[in-house]
């Protein structure tokens, strides 16, 4: 069995297990709900998609080998990234966090939807070029920073389940996320970006 398959599967299962088994302490605070549990569910999907691609025998496709063309539902990764952005935006709405704590249907949607977001994002990034990645990353980080500033500036609490002090911490965390994500991406993509700029 390939090492990549084992490692990615272990990380995916571990992230999903932590997000589900420790849901009570993770959702006790707004900051950990938004900045720990939700990213864990997305990461589980990312590594699950990588494990799926690393499975044995995946590359042996006689139809592809014959050069048959197939229609892509996720051309350049744009539809997938758009869907992931919309779902990510939904979980920045305070009412969505409240509903996830009191309605089991919304909680199930959270687990399944965010796991699916991770799968979609990883698959979409693989099909995207640098400009498309930068566009969607910039859009998400801008949205995260704006929501974070709203959480900080509001004189009243926006979530019924969380105190205003924790709302402010969640706002600071979202602003930090808007800085960390593009910085990490730039470090990981420095060579492709450099090649793109030199064209």
N, C-alpha and C. Protein backbone atom coordinates (compact mmCIF):
# COMPACT_ATOMS: atom_id res chain seq x y z
N UNK A 1 0.86 -1.20 0.00
CA UNK A 1 0.00 0.00 0.00
C UNK A 1 0.89 1.24 0.00
N UNK A 2 0.62 2.23 -0.89
CA UNK A 2 1.46 3.42 -0.97
C UNK A 2 1.51 4.20 0.34
N UNK A 3 2.68 4.76 0.62
CA UNK A 3 2.86 5.54 1.85
C UNK A 3 1.95 6.77 1.85
N UNK A 4 1.82 7.42 0.68
CA UNK A 4 0.96 8.62 0.60
C UNK A 4 -0.48 8.29 0.96
N UNK A 5 -0.94 7.13 0.53
CA UNK A 5 -2.31 6.73 0.84
C UNK A 5 -2.49 6.56 2.35
N UNK A 6 -1.53 5.92 2.99
CA UNK A 6 -1.61 5.69 4.44
C UNK A 6 -1.56 6.99 5.21
N UNK A 7 -0.58 7.84 4.88
CA UNK A 7 -0.41 9.10 5.62
C UNK A 7 -1.62 10.01 5.47
N UNK A 8 -2.08 10.17 4.23
CA UNK A 8 -3.23 11.04 4.00
C UNK A 8 -4.49 10.50 4.67
N UNK A 9 -4.66 9.19 4.64
CA UNK A 9 -5.83 8.58 5.28
C UNK A 9 -5.80 8.78 6.79
N UNK A 10 -4.62 8.60 7.39
CA UNK A 10 -4.48 8.76 8.84
C UNK A 10 -4.78 10.20 9.25
N UNK A 11 -4.24 11.16 8.51
CA UNK A 11 -4.47 12.57 8.85
C UNK A 11 -5.95 12.92 8.68
N UNK A 12 -6.57 12.44 7.60
CA UNK A 12 -7.99 12.73 7.37
C UNK A 12 -8.86 12.17 8.49
N UNK A 13 -8.61 10.91 8.86
CA UNK A 13 -9.40 10.28 9.92
C UNK A 13 -9.15 10.97 11.26
N UNK A 14 -7.89 11.32 11.54
CA UNK A 14 -7.56 11.98 12.81
C UNK A 14 -8.24 13.35 12.91
N UNK A 15 -8.17 14.15 11.84
CA UNK A 15 -8.80 15.48 11.86
C UNK A 15 -10.31 15.37 12.04
N UNK A 16 -10.91 14.43 11.33
CA UNK A 16 -12.36 14.25 11.44
C UNK A 16 -12.75 13.75 12.83
N UNK A 17 -11.95 12.83 13.37
CA UNK A 17 -12.24 12.28 14.70
C UNK A 17 -12.15 13.36 15.78
N UNK A 18 -11.12 14.19 15.71
CA UNK A 18 -10.97 15.27 16.70
C UNK A 18 -12.14 16.24 16.61
N UNK A 19 -12.52 16.60 15.38
CA UNK A 19 -13.62 17.56 15.19
C UNK A 19 -14.94 17.03 15.72
N UNK A 20 -15.16 15.71 15.60
CA UNK A 20 -16.43 15.13 16.03
C UNK A 20 -16.40 14.74 17.51
N UNK A 21 -15.36 14.03 17.92
CA UNK A 21 -15.30 13.52 19.30
C UNK A 21 -15.15 14.65 20.33
N UNK A 22 -14.48 15.72 19.94
CA UNK A 22 -14.28 16.85 20.86
C UNK A 22 -15.18 18.02 20.50
N UNK A 23 -16.35 17.72 19.93
CA UNK A 23 -17.24 18.80 19.48
C UNK A 23 -17.72 19.67 20.64
N UNK A 24 -17.93 19.08 21.82
CA UNK A 24 -18.44 19.88 22.94
C UNK A 24 -17.45 20.95 23.38
N UNK A 25 -16.19 20.61 23.67
CA UNK A 25 -15.24 21.68 24.03
C UNK A 25 -14.91 22.60 22.86
N UNK A 26 -14.91 22.07 21.63
CA UNK A 26 -14.56 22.90 20.49
C UNK A 26 -15.64 23.91 20.15
N UNK A 27 -16.89 23.58 20.45
CA UNK A 27 -17.98 24.52 20.17
C UNK A 27 -18.40 25.32 21.39
N UNK A 28 -17.68 25.15 22.49
CA UNK A 28 -18.00 25.91 23.70
C UNK A 28 -17.66 27.38 23.54
N UNK A 29 -16.68 27.69 22.70
CA UNK A 29 -16.28 29.06 22.44
C UNK A 29 -16.44 29.36 20.95
N UNK A 30 -16.83 30.57 20.64
CA UNK A 30 -17.01 30.95 19.24
C UNK A 30 -15.69 30.88 18.47
N UNK A 31 -14.61 31.28 19.13
CA UNK A 31 -13.31 31.29 18.47
C UNK A 31 -12.85 29.89 18.09
N UNK A 32 -13.01 28.92 19.01
CA UNK A 32 -12.59 27.55 18.68
C UNK A 32 -13.55 26.89 17.70
N UNK A 33 -14.81 27.27 17.77
CA UNK A 33 -15.80 26.74 16.82
C UNK A 33 -15.41 27.14 15.39
N UNK A 34 -15.12 28.43 15.21
CA UNK A 34 -14.83 28.93 13.87
C UNK A 34 -13.40 28.66 13.41
N UNK A 35 -12.46 28.70 14.33
CA UNK A 35 -11.05 28.69 13.95
C UNK A 35 -10.34 27.37 14.22
N UNK A 36 -11.03 26.42 14.86
CA UNK A 36 -10.43 25.11 15.11
C UNK A 36 -11.29 24.00 14.51
N UNK A 37 -12.55 23.90 14.95
CA UNK A 37 -13.36 22.78 14.47
C UNK A 37 -13.65 22.87 12.97
N UNK A 38 -14.07 24.02 12.50
CA UNK A 38 -14.40 24.17 11.08
C UNK A 38 -13.18 23.91 10.20
N UNK A 39 -12.00 24.50 10.49
CA UNK A 39 -10.82 24.15 9.68
C UNK A 39 -10.44 22.68 9.75
N UNK A 40 -10.65 22.02 10.90
CA UNK A 40 -10.36 20.59 11.00
C UNK A 40 -11.22 19.77 10.04
N UNK A 41 -12.49 20.13 9.92
CA UNK A 41 -13.39 19.42 9.00
C UNK A 41 -12.96 19.63 7.56
N UNK A 42 -12.54 20.84 7.23
CA UNK A 42 -12.06 21.12 5.87
C UNK A 42 -10.77 20.36 5.59
N UNK A 43 -9.85 20.36 6.56
CA UNK A 43 -8.59 19.63 6.38
C UNK A 43 -8.84 18.13 6.21
N UNK A 44 -9.81 17.59 6.93
CA UNK A 44 -10.14 16.17 6.77
C UNK A 44 -10.53 15.89 5.33
N UNK A 45 -11.32 16.77 4.74
CA UNK A 45 -11.71 16.59 3.34
C UNK A 45 -10.53 16.72 2.39
N UNK A 46 -9.63 17.65 2.66
CA UNK A 46 -8.45 17.84 1.81
C UNK A 46 -7.60 16.57 1.78
N UNK A 47 -7.31 16.02 2.95
CA UNK A 47 -6.46 14.82 3.01
C UNK A 47 -7.20 13.58 2.53
N UNK A 48 -8.52 13.54 2.68
CA UNK A 48 -9.29 12.42 2.15
C UNK A 48 -9.22 12.40 0.63
N UNK A 49 -9.28 13.58 0.01
CA UNK A 49 -9.19 13.66 -1.45
C UNK A 49 -7.81 13.22 -1.92
N UNK A 50 -6.77 13.61 -1.17
CA UNK A 50 -5.42 13.19 -1.55
C UNK A 50 -5.24 11.68 -1.38
N UNK A 51 -5.85 11.12 -0.34
CA UNK A 51 -5.78 9.67 -0.13
C UNK A 51 -6.51 8.94 -1.26
N UNK A 52 -7.63 9.48 -1.68
CA UNK A 52 -8.40 8.87 -2.77
C UNK A 52 -7.60 8.83 -4.06
N UNK A 53 -6.88 9.91 -4.33
CA UNK A 53 -6.06 9.98 -5.55
C UNK A 53 -4.83 9.08 -5.47
N UNK A 54 -4.39 8.77 -4.25
CA UNK A 54 -3.19 7.95 -4.07
C UNK A 54 -3.48 6.46 -4.04
N UNK A 55 -4.75 6.08 -4.16
CA UNK A 55 -5.10 4.66 -4.05
C UNK A 55 -4.50 3.86 -5.20
N UNK A 56 -4.15 2.60 -4.96
CA UNK A 56 -3.52 1.76 -6.00
C UNK A 56 -4.44 1.55 -7.20
N UNK A 57 -3.83 1.54 -8.39
CA UNK A 57 -4.57 1.25 -9.59
C UNK A 57 -5.36 2.40 -10.15
N UNK A 58 -5.28 3.58 -9.50
CA UNK A 58 -6.09 4.70 -9.96
C UNK A 58 -5.68 5.17 -11.35
N UNK A 59 -4.39 5.12 -11.63
CA UNK A 59 -3.91 5.65 -12.91
C UNK A 59 -4.16 4.75 -14.11
N UNK A 60 -4.53 3.49 -13.88
CA UNK A 60 -4.73 2.56 -14.99
C UNK A 60 -6.16 2.66 -15.50
N UNK A 61 -6.36 3.54 -16.47
CA UNK A 61 -7.68 3.77 -17.05
C UNK A 61 -7.56 3.58 -18.56
N UNK A 62 -8.06 2.46 -19.10
CA UNK A 62 -7.89 2.19 -20.53
C UNK A 62 -8.58 3.22 -21.42
N UNK A 63 -9.67 3.81 -20.94
CA UNK A 63 -10.36 4.82 -21.75
C UNK A 63 -9.50 6.06 -21.90
N UNK A 64 -8.94 6.49 -20.77
CA UNK A 64 -8.04 7.64 -20.82
C UNK A 64 -6.81 7.31 -21.65
N UNK A 65 -6.28 6.12 -21.45
CA UNK A 65 -5.07 5.73 -22.17
C UNK A 65 -5.30 5.77 -23.67
N UNK A 66 -6.51 5.49 -24.12
CA UNK A 66 -6.83 5.53 -25.54
C UNK A 66 -6.99 6.95 -26.05
N UNK A 67 -6.91 7.92 -25.14
CA UNK A 67 -6.98 9.32 -25.53
C UNK A 67 -8.40 9.86 -25.62
N UNK A 68 -9.36 9.16 -25.02
CA UNK A 68 -10.74 9.64 -25.06
C UNK A 68 -10.87 10.93 -24.26
N UNK A 69 -11.63 11.85 -24.81
CA UNK A 69 -11.85 13.13 -24.13
C UNK A 69 -13.09 13.02 -23.27
N UNK A 70 -13.04 13.60 -22.08
CA UNK A 70 -14.20 13.58 -21.21
C UNK A 70 -14.52 14.99 -20.74
N UNK A 71 -15.79 15.24 -20.54
CA UNK A 71 -16.23 16.56 -20.10
C UNK A 71 -15.89 16.77 -18.64
N UNK A 72 -15.37 17.94 -18.33
CA UNK A 72 -15.01 18.25 -16.94
C UNK A 72 -16.08 19.13 -16.32
N UNK A 73 -16.63 18.68 -15.21
CA UNK A 73 -17.64 19.46 -14.49
C UNK A 73 -17.00 20.57 -13.66
N UNK A 74 -15.69 20.53 -13.51
CA UNK A 74 -15.00 21.50 -12.66
C UNK A 74 -13.89 22.18 -13.47
N UNK A 75 -14.28 22.78 -14.58
CA UNK A 75 -13.31 23.37 -15.50
C UNK A 75 -12.47 24.44 -14.82
N UNK A 76 -11.16 24.27 -14.85
CA UNK A 76 -10.20 25.18 -14.22
C UNK A 76 -10.43 25.35 -12.73
N UNK A 77 -11.24 24.50 -12.13
CA UNK A 77 -11.49 24.57 -10.69
C UNK A 77 -12.41 25.69 -10.26
N UNK A 78 -12.95 26.47 -11.21
CA UNK A 78 -13.77 27.63 -10.87
C UNK A 78 -15.10 27.25 -10.19
N UNK A 79 -15.88 26.32 -10.76
CA UNK A 79 -17.14 25.95 -10.08
C UNK A 79 -16.92 25.42 -8.66
N UNK A 80 -15.90 24.59 -8.49
CA UNK A 80 -15.62 24.03 -7.18
C UNK A 80 -15.22 25.08 -6.17
N UNK A 81 -14.34 26.00 -6.58
CA UNK A 81 -13.90 27.04 -5.66
C UNK A 81 -15.04 28.01 -5.33
N UNK A 82 -15.91 28.26 -6.31
CA UNK A 82 -17.06 29.13 -6.05
C UNK A 82 -17.99 28.49 -5.02
N UNK A 83 -18.26 27.20 -5.17
CA UNK A 83 -19.10 26.50 -4.21
C UNK A 83 -18.47 26.50 -2.83
N UNK A 84 -17.16 26.24 -2.76
CA UNK A 84 -16.46 26.24 -1.47
C UNK A 84 -16.50 27.61 -0.82
N UNK A 85 -16.38 28.67 -1.62
CA UNK A 85 -16.43 30.03 -1.09
C UNK A 85 -17.80 30.33 -0.50
N UNK A 86 -18.86 29.90 -1.19
CA UNK A 86 -20.22 30.14 -0.70
C UNK A 86 -20.48 29.40 0.62
N UNK A 87 -20.03 28.15 0.70
CA UNK A 87 -20.22 27.39 1.94
C UNK A 87 -19.39 28.00 3.06
N UNK A 88 -18.16 28.41 2.74
CA UNK A 88 -17.32 29.06 3.75
C UNK A 88 -17.94 30.36 4.25
N UNK A 89 -18.55 31.13 3.35
CA UNK A 89 -19.21 32.38 3.74
C UNK A 89 -20.40 32.10 4.66
N UNK A 90 -21.11 31.02 4.38
CA UNK A 90 -22.27 30.68 5.20
C UNK A 90 -21.86 30.46 6.65
N UNK A 91 -20.71 29.82 6.87
CA UNK A 91 -20.29 29.51 8.24
C UNK A 91 -19.61 30.68 8.94
N UNK A 92 -19.57 31.82 8.27
CA UNK A 92 -19.15 33.05 8.95
C UNK A 92 -20.34 33.84 9.48
N UNK A 93 -21.55 33.38 9.15
CA UNK A 93 -22.77 34.05 9.63
C UNK A 93 -23.05 33.59 11.07
N UNK A 94 -23.20 34.50 12.01
CA UNK A 94 -23.43 34.11 13.41
C UNK A 94 -24.64 33.19 13.59
N UNK A 95 -25.72 33.45 12.86
CA UNK A 95 -26.92 32.62 12.99
C UNK A 95 -26.64 31.16 12.63
N UNK A 96 -25.74 30.93 11.68
CA UNK A 96 -25.40 29.56 11.29
C UNK A 96 -24.72 28.82 12.44
N UNK A 97 -23.85 29.52 13.17
CA UNK A 97 -23.19 28.90 14.32
C UNK A 97 -24.20 28.58 15.42
N UNK A 98 -25.14 29.50 15.66
CA UNK A 98 -26.19 29.25 16.65
C UNK A 98 -27.03 28.03 16.26
N UNK A 99 -27.43 27.97 15.00
CA UNK A 99 -28.28 26.87 14.54
C UNK A 99 -27.57 25.52 14.64
N UNK A 100 -26.25 25.52 14.39
CA UNK A 100 -25.49 24.28 14.46
C UNK A 100 -25.44 23.71 15.88
N UNK A 101 -25.66 24.57 16.87
CA UNK A 101 -25.63 24.11 18.26
C UNK A 101 -26.97 23.58 18.75
N UNK A 102 -28.04 23.97 18.08
CA UNK A 102 -29.38 23.59 18.57
C UNK A 102 -30.16 22.71 17.60
N UNK A 103 -29.77 22.69 16.33
CA UNK A 103 -30.49 21.88 15.34
C UNK A 103 -29.58 20.79 14.80
N UNK A 104 -29.96 19.55 14.98
CA UNK A 104 -29.08 18.45 14.55
C UNK A 104 -28.94 18.42 13.03
N UNK A 105 -29.98 18.88 12.31
CA UNK A 105 -29.89 18.89 10.85
C UNK A 105 -28.79 19.84 10.37
N UNK A 106 -28.70 21.01 11.01
CA UNK A 106 -27.67 21.98 10.63
C UNK A 106 -26.29 21.46 11.02
N UNK A 107 -26.21 20.77 12.16
CA UNK A 107 -24.93 20.21 12.59
C UNK A 107 -24.45 19.14 11.62
N UNK A 108 -25.35 18.29 11.17
CA UNK A 108 -24.99 17.27 10.18
C UNK A 108 -24.53 17.93 8.88
N UNK A 109 -25.27 18.98 8.46
CA UNK A 109 -24.87 19.73 7.27
C UNK A 109 -23.47 20.32 7.44
N UNK A 110 -23.18 20.79 8.64
CA UNK A 110 -21.85 21.36 8.90
C UNK A 110 -20.76 20.33 8.69
N UNK A 111 -20.92 19.15 9.28
CA UNK A 111 -19.90 18.11 9.15
C UNK A 111 -19.74 17.64 7.71
N UNK A 112 -20.86 17.33 7.07
CA UNK A 112 -20.79 16.83 5.70
C UNK A 112 -20.37 17.93 4.72
N UNK A 113 -20.96 19.12 4.89
CA UNK A 113 -20.67 20.21 3.96
C UNK A 113 -19.22 20.66 4.01
N UNK A 114 -18.67 20.82 5.20
CA UNK A 114 -17.29 21.29 5.32
C UNK A 114 -16.29 20.22 4.91
N UNK A 115 -16.60 18.96 5.19
CA UNK A 115 -15.75 17.88 4.69
C UNK A 115 -15.74 17.90 3.16
N UNK A 116 -16.91 18.08 2.57
CA UNK A 116 -17.01 18.16 1.12
C UNK A 116 -16.26 19.37 0.57
N UNK A 117 -16.30 20.48 1.30
CA UNK A 117 -15.54 21.67 0.89
C UNK A 117 -14.06 21.34 0.76
N UNK A 118 -13.52 20.62 1.75
CA UNK A 118 -12.11 20.23 1.68
C UNK A 118 -11.80 19.39 0.45
N UNK A 119 -12.67 18.43 0.16
CA UNK A 119 -12.49 17.59 -1.03
C UNK A 119 -12.52 18.44 -2.30
N UNK A 120 -13.51 19.33 -2.38
CA UNK A 120 -13.68 20.16 -3.57
C UNK A 120 -12.52 21.12 -3.75
N UNK A 121 -12.09 21.75 -2.65
CA UNK A 121 -10.99 22.71 -2.74
C UNK A 121 -9.72 22.05 -3.24
N UNK A 122 -9.41 20.87 -2.70
CA UNK A 122 -8.17 20.19 -3.12
C UNK A 122 -8.23 19.79 -4.59
N UNK A 123 -9.38 19.28 -5.02
CA UNK A 123 -9.53 18.91 -6.42
C UNK A 123 -9.50 20.13 -7.33
N UNK A 124 -10.10 21.23 -6.87
CA UNK A 124 -10.16 22.45 -7.69
C UNK A 124 -8.79 23.10 -7.81
N UNK A 125 -8.03 23.11 -6.73
CA UNK A 125 -6.68 23.69 -6.78
C UNK A 125 -5.82 22.95 -7.80
N UNK A 126 -6.02 21.66 -7.92
CA UNK A 126 -5.25 20.86 -8.86
C UNK A 126 -5.55 21.25 -10.31
N UNK A 127 -6.76 21.73 -10.57
CA UNK A 127 -7.16 22.10 -11.93
C UNK A 127 -6.99 23.58 -12.22
N UNK A 128 -6.59 24.37 -11.24
CA UNK A 128 -6.55 25.82 -11.40
C UNK A 128 -5.16 26.31 -11.75
N UNK A 129 -5.12 27.45 -12.42
CA UNK A 129 -3.83 28.10 -12.63
C UNK A 129 -3.62 29.16 -11.55
N UNK A 130 -2.51 29.83 -11.60
CA UNK A 130 -2.13 30.76 -10.54
C UNK A 130 -3.11 31.91 -10.39
N UNK A 131 -3.60 32.46 -11.50
CA UNK A 131 -4.51 33.61 -11.43
C UNK A 131 -5.81 33.23 -10.73
N UNK A 132 -6.36 32.07 -11.06
CA UNK A 132 -7.62 31.64 -10.46
C UNK A 132 -7.43 31.37 -8.96
N UNK A 133 -6.34 30.70 -8.60
CA UNK A 133 -6.06 30.46 -7.18
C UNK A 133 -5.97 31.77 -6.42
N UNK A 134 -5.23 32.72 -6.99
CA UNK A 134 -5.04 34.01 -6.32
C UNK A 134 -6.35 34.76 -6.18
N UNK A 135 -7.20 34.70 -7.21
CA UNK A 135 -8.49 35.39 -7.16
C UNK A 135 -9.35 34.86 -6.01
N UNK A 136 -9.50 33.54 -5.92
CA UNK A 136 -10.37 32.98 -4.89
C UNK A 136 -9.75 33.09 -3.50
N UNK A 137 -8.45 32.95 -3.41
CA UNK A 137 -7.80 33.12 -2.11
C UNK A 137 -7.94 34.56 -1.63
N UNK A 138 -7.73 35.51 -2.52
CA UNK A 138 -7.88 36.91 -2.15
C UNK A 138 -9.31 37.23 -1.74
N UNK A 139 -10.27 36.67 -2.46
CA UNK A 139 -11.67 36.91 -2.13
C UNK A 139 -12.01 36.35 -0.75
N UNK A 140 -11.54 35.13 -0.46
CA UNK A 140 -11.84 34.53 0.83
C UNK A 140 -11.17 35.29 1.97
N UNK A 141 -9.93 35.70 1.76
CA UNK A 141 -9.21 36.42 2.81
C UNK A 141 -9.82 37.80 3.06
N UNK A 142 -10.23 38.47 1.98
CA UNK A 142 -10.92 39.76 2.14
C UNK A 142 -12.20 39.58 2.94
N UNK A 143 -12.97 38.54 2.60
CA UNK A 143 -14.21 38.27 3.31
C UNK A 143 -13.95 37.95 4.78
N UNK A 144 -12.91 37.17 5.04
CA UNK A 144 -12.57 36.81 6.41
C UNK A 144 -12.18 38.06 7.22
N UNK A 145 -11.40 38.93 6.61
CA UNK A 145 -10.97 40.15 7.31
C UNK A 145 -12.16 41.06 7.60
N UNK A 146 -13.07 41.21 6.63
CA UNK A 146 -14.24 42.07 6.82
C UNK A 146 -15.12 41.54 7.95
N UNK A 147 -15.40 40.23 7.92
CA UNK A 147 -16.22 39.63 8.97
C UNK A 147 -15.54 39.78 10.33
N UNK A 148 -14.22 39.59 10.36
CA UNK A 148 -13.49 39.76 11.61
C UNK A 148 -13.61 41.16 12.17
N UNK A 149 -13.54 42.17 11.30
CA UNK A 149 -13.67 43.56 11.75
C UNK A 149 -15.10 43.85 12.23
N UNK A 150 -16.08 43.25 11.56
CA UNK A 150 -17.47 43.41 12.01
C UNK A 150 -17.64 42.84 13.41
N UNK A 151 -17.07 41.66 13.64
CA UNK A 151 -17.16 41.05 14.98
C UNK A 151 -16.50 41.92 16.03
N UNK A 152 -15.41 42.57 15.67
CA UNK A 152 -14.70 43.41 16.63
C UNK A 152 -15.44 44.73 16.90
N UNK A 153 -16.06 45.28 15.87
CA UNK A 153 -16.65 46.61 16.00
C UNK A 153 -18.06 46.62 16.57
N UNK A 154 -18.74 45.48 16.54
CA UNK A 154 -20.12 45.46 17.01
C UNK A 154 -20.19 45.65 18.54
N UNK A 155 -21.00 46.59 19.02
CA UNK A 155 -21.12 46.81 20.46
C UNK A 155 -21.98 45.76 21.16
N UNK A 156 -22.69 44.94 20.39
CA UNK A 156 -23.52 43.87 20.96
C UNK A 156 -23.06 42.54 20.41
N UNK A 157 -23.39 41.48 21.11
CA UNK A 157 -23.02 40.16 20.63
C UNK A 157 -23.94 39.73 19.49
N UNK A 158 -23.39 39.03 18.52
CA UNK A 158 -24.12 38.62 17.33
C UNK A 158 -24.63 37.19 17.43
N UNK A 159 -23.98 36.37 18.26
CA UNK A 159 -24.40 34.99 18.47
C UNK A 159 -25.09 34.88 19.83
N UNK A 160 -26.24 34.24 19.86
CA UNK A 160 -26.93 34.04 21.13
C UNK A 160 -26.17 33.08 22.05
N UNK A 161 -25.42 32.17 21.45
CA UNK A 161 -24.75 31.13 22.23
C UNK A 161 -23.40 31.56 22.79
N UNK A 162 -22.88 32.70 22.33
CA UNK A 162 -21.53 33.08 22.72
C UNK A 162 -21.51 34.50 23.29
N UNK A 163 -20.56 34.73 24.19
CA UNK A 163 -20.41 36.05 24.81
C UNK A 163 -19.69 37.00 23.87
N UNK A 164 -19.85 38.30 24.14
CA UNK A 164 -19.25 39.29 23.27
C UNK A 164 -17.72 39.24 23.30
N UNK A 165 -17.16 38.93 24.47
CA UNK A 165 -15.70 38.85 24.56
C UNK A 165 -15.14 37.78 23.65
N UNK A 166 -15.81 36.63 23.58
CA UNK A 166 -15.35 35.57 22.69
C UNK A 166 -15.60 35.94 21.23
N UNK A 167 -16.64 36.71 20.98
CA UNK A 167 -16.90 37.20 19.62
C UNK A 167 -15.72 38.06 19.15
N UNK A 168 -15.18 38.86 20.05
CA UNK A 168 -14.04 39.69 19.69
C UNK A 168 -12.80 38.84 19.39
N UNK A 169 -12.62 37.77 20.17
CA UNK A 169 -11.49 36.87 19.91
C UNK A 169 -11.66 36.17 18.56
N UNK A 170 -12.89 35.80 18.24
CA UNK A 170 -13.15 35.20 16.94
C UNK A 170 -12.84 36.20 15.82
N UNK A 171 -13.18 37.46 16.04
CA UNK A 171 -12.87 38.49 15.05
C UNK A 171 -11.38 38.66 14.84
N UNK A 172 -10.63 38.66 15.93
CA UNK A 172 -9.17 38.76 15.81
C UNK A 172 -8.62 37.55 15.07
N UNK A 173 -9.17 36.38 15.37
CA UNK A 173 -8.70 35.16 14.70
C UNK A 173 -8.97 35.18 13.21
N UNK A 174 -10.13 35.70 12.80
CA UNK A 174 -10.45 35.77 11.38
C UNK A 174 -9.52 36.75 10.66
N UNK A 175 -9.20 37.85 11.31
CA UNK A 175 -8.26 38.81 10.72
C UNK A 175 -6.87 38.18 10.59
N UNK A 176 -6.47 37.45 11.64
CA UNK A 176 -5.17 36.75 11.57
C UNK A 176 -5.18 35.71 10.45
N UNK A 177 -6.30 35.01 10.29
CA UNK A 177 -6.42 34.03 9.22
C UNK A 177 -6.27 34.68 7.85
N UNK A 178 -6.83 35.88 7.71
CA UNK A 178 -6.73 36.61 6.44
C UNK A 178 -5.29 37.02 6.12
N UNK A 179 -4.43 37.04 7.13
CA UNK A 179 -3.01 37.36 6.92
C UNK A 179 -2.19 36.09 6.73
N UNK A 180 -2.49 35.07 7.52
CA UNK A 180 -1.70 33.83 7.51
C UNK A 180 -1.90 33.04 6.22
N UNK A 181 -3.16 32.93 5.76
CA UNK A 181 -3.44 32.12 4.56
C UNK A 181 -2.67 32.59 3.33
N UNK A 182 -2.74 33.87 2.95
CA UNK A 182 -1.98 34.28 1.76
C UNK A 182 -0.48 34.19 1.96
N UNK A 183 0.00 34.42 3.17
CA UNK A 183 1.44 34.30 3.42
C UNK A 183 1.90 32.86 3.23
N UNK A 184 1.12 31.92 3.75
CA UNK A 184 1.45 30.50 3.59
C UNK A 184 1.39 30.10 2.12
N UNK A 185 0.36 30.58 1.43
CA UNK A 185 0.22 30.24 0.02
C UNK A 185 1.39 30.79 -0.80
N UNK A 186 1.82 32.00 -0.50
CA UNK A 186 2.95 32.59 -1.23
C UNK A 186 4.22 31.77 -1.03
N UNK A 187 4.44 31.30 0.20
CA UNK A 187 5.62 30.47 0.46
C UNK A 187 5.55 29.15 -0.30
N UNK A 188 4.35 28.57 -0.36
CA UNK A 188 4.20 27.28 -1.03
C UNK A 188 4.24 27.40 -2.55
N UNK A 189 3.82 28.57 -3.08
CA UNK A 189 3.69 28.74 -4.53
C UNK A 189 4.73 29.71 -5.10
N UNK A 190 5.81 29.94 -4.38
CA UNK A 190 6.75 30.97 -4.82
C UNK A 190 7.33 30.66 -6.20
N UNK A 191 7.64 29.40 -6.48
CA UNK A 191 8.21 29.07 -7.79
C UNK A 191 7.21 29.23 -8.93
N UNK A 192 5.98 28.67 -8.81
CA UNK A 192 5.01 28.92 -9.88
C UNK A 192 4.69 30.39 -10.10
N UNK A 193 4.62 31.17 -9.00
CA UNK A 193 4.34 32.60 -9.13
C UNK A 193 5.47 33.29 -9.87
N UNK A 194 6.70 32.92 -9.54
CA UNK A 194 7.87 33.52 -10.19
C UNK A 194 7.88 33.20 -11.67
N UNK A 195 7.55 31.95 -12.03
CA UNK A 195 7.50 31.58 -13.45
C UNK A 195 6.39 32.35 -14.17
N UNK A 196 5.25 32.52 -13.48
CA UNK A 196 4.13 33.27 -14.10
C UNK A 196 4.52 34.73 -14.33
N UNK A 197 5.19 35.36 -13.37
CA UNK A 197 5.57 36.76 -13.50
C UNK A 197 6.62 36.97 -14.58
N UNK A 198 7.45 35.94 -14.84
CA UNK A 198 8.51 36.06 -15.83
C UNK A 198 8.00 35.86 -17.26
N UNK A 199 6.77 35.38 -17.41
CA UNK A 199 6.24 35.14 -18.77
C UNK A 199 6.02 36.43 -19.53
